[in-house]
Amino acid sequence: MPYYAQMLLDAGYSEVKEGKFSDRMIDDMVVHGSAEQVKERLRMLPSFGVNELLATVIEPANDDRTYERTVRTLGELAAE
């Protein structure tokens, strides 16, 4: 998708030219880690100008525990 490829190039991710997603890109764009790490990173987003957030769970296949744990963490954060 040319628009997104250009957006990523403009953001400094030259690896997009090779059609690759690097670990650096994932670390910069995906909130992941323990429940506390996720909460901490999401709490920081407003300081970067984020005023609306849509979260989705990226989960390993057939791992209901990961999904449930992540949804519970997002719910706890939303209730703060």
Protein backbone atom coordinates (compact mmCIF):
# COMPACT_ATOMS: atom_id res chain seq x y z
CA MET A 1 0.00 0.00 0.00
CA PRO A 2 1.91 3.01 -1.28
CA TYR A 3 0.44 5.56 1.15
CA TYR A 4 1.52 3.61 4.24
CA ALA A 5 4.89 2.72 2.74
CA GLN A 6 5.58 6.41 2.14
CA MET A 7 4.36 7.33 5.62
CA LEU A 8 6.78 4.81 7.14
CA LEU A 9 9.63 6.02 4.93
CA ASP A 10 8.91 9.60 5.98
CA ALA A 11 9.02 8.45 9.61
CA GLY A 12 12.54 7.10 9.09
CA TYR A 13 11.94 3.39 8.50
CA SER A 14 14.07 2.85 5.39
CA GLU A 15 13.68 -0.93 5.71
CA VAL A 16 10.24 -0.49 4.13
CA LYS A 17 12.02 -0.10 0.78
CA GLU A 18 12.86 -3.81 1.00
CA GLY A 19 9.32 -4.69 2.06
CA LYS A 20 10.47 -5.61 5.56
CA PHE A 21 9.14 -4.98 9.03
CA SER A 22 12.06 -4.69 11.42
CA ASP A 23 12.13 -5.34 15.16
CA ARG A 24 12.65 -1.57 15.57
CA MET A 25 9.41 -0.86 13.71
CA ILE A 26 7.49 -3.35 15.82
CA ASP A 27 8.94 -1.96 19.07
CA ASP A 28 8.02 1.56 17.98
CA MET A 29 4.48 0.77 16.80
CA VAL A 30 3.22 -2.14 18.89
CA VAL A 31 2.62 -1.83 22.61
CA HIS A 32 3.77 -5.11 24.12
CA GLY A 33 5.24 -6.58 27.26
CA SER A 34 3.97 -7.37 30.72
CA ALA A 35 0.66 -5.93 31.91
CA GLU A 36 2.48 -3.16 33.79
CA GLN A 37 4.70 -2.35 30.80
CA VAL A 38 1.65 -2.09 28.55
CA LYS A 39 -0.16 0.15 31.03
CA GLU A 40 2.89 2.38 31.44
CA ARG A 41 3.36 2.81 27.70
CA LEU A 42 -0.32 3.51 27.07
CA ARG A 43 -0.36 6.06 29.90
CA MET A 44 2.48 7.92 28.13
CA LEU A 45 0.64 8.34 24.82
CA PRO A 46 -1.25 11.54 25.73
CA SER A 47 2.10 13.27 26.35
CA PHE A 48 2.85 12.64 22.64
CA GLY A 49 -0.43 14.22 21.56
CA VAL A 50 -2.59 11.10 21.39
CA ASN A 51 -6.11 12.01 22.48
CA GLU A 52 -7.96 8.99 21.13
CA LEU A 53 -6.80 5.40 21.12
CA LEU A 54 -8.17 2.30 19.46
CA ALA A 55 -6.60 -0.85 20.88
CA THR A 56 -6.72 -4.33 19.43
CA VAL A 57 -5.18 -7.53 20.68
CA ILE A 58 -2.52 -9.20 18.56
CA GLU A 59 -2.35 -12.68 19.94
CA PRO A 60 -0.65 -15.98 19.28
CA ALA A 61 -2.96 -18.46 17.55
CA ASN A 62 -5.12 -20.51 19.91
CA ASP A 63 -3.98 -18.75 23.08
CA ASP A 64 -7.15 -17.68 24.87
CA ARG A 65 -5.23 -16.87 28.06
CA THR A 66 -3.18 -14.18 26.31
CA TYR A 67 -6.31 -12.63 24.85
CA GLU A 68 -8.17 -12.65 28.16
CA ARG A 69 -5.18 -11.28 30.08
CA THR A 70 -4.71 -8.47 27.58
CA VAL A 71 -8.38 -7.51 27.51
CA ARG A 72 -8.41 -7.50 31.31
CA THR A 73 -5.33 -5.22 31.35
CA LEU A 74 -6.95 -2.80 28.87
CA GLY A 75 -10.14 -2.81 30.94
CA GLU A 76 -8.21 -2.00 34.12
CA LEU A 77 -6.48 0.88 32.35
CA ALA A 78 -9.75 2.23 30.95
CA ALA A 79 -11.27 2.22 34.45
CA GLU A 80 -8.52 4.46 35.86
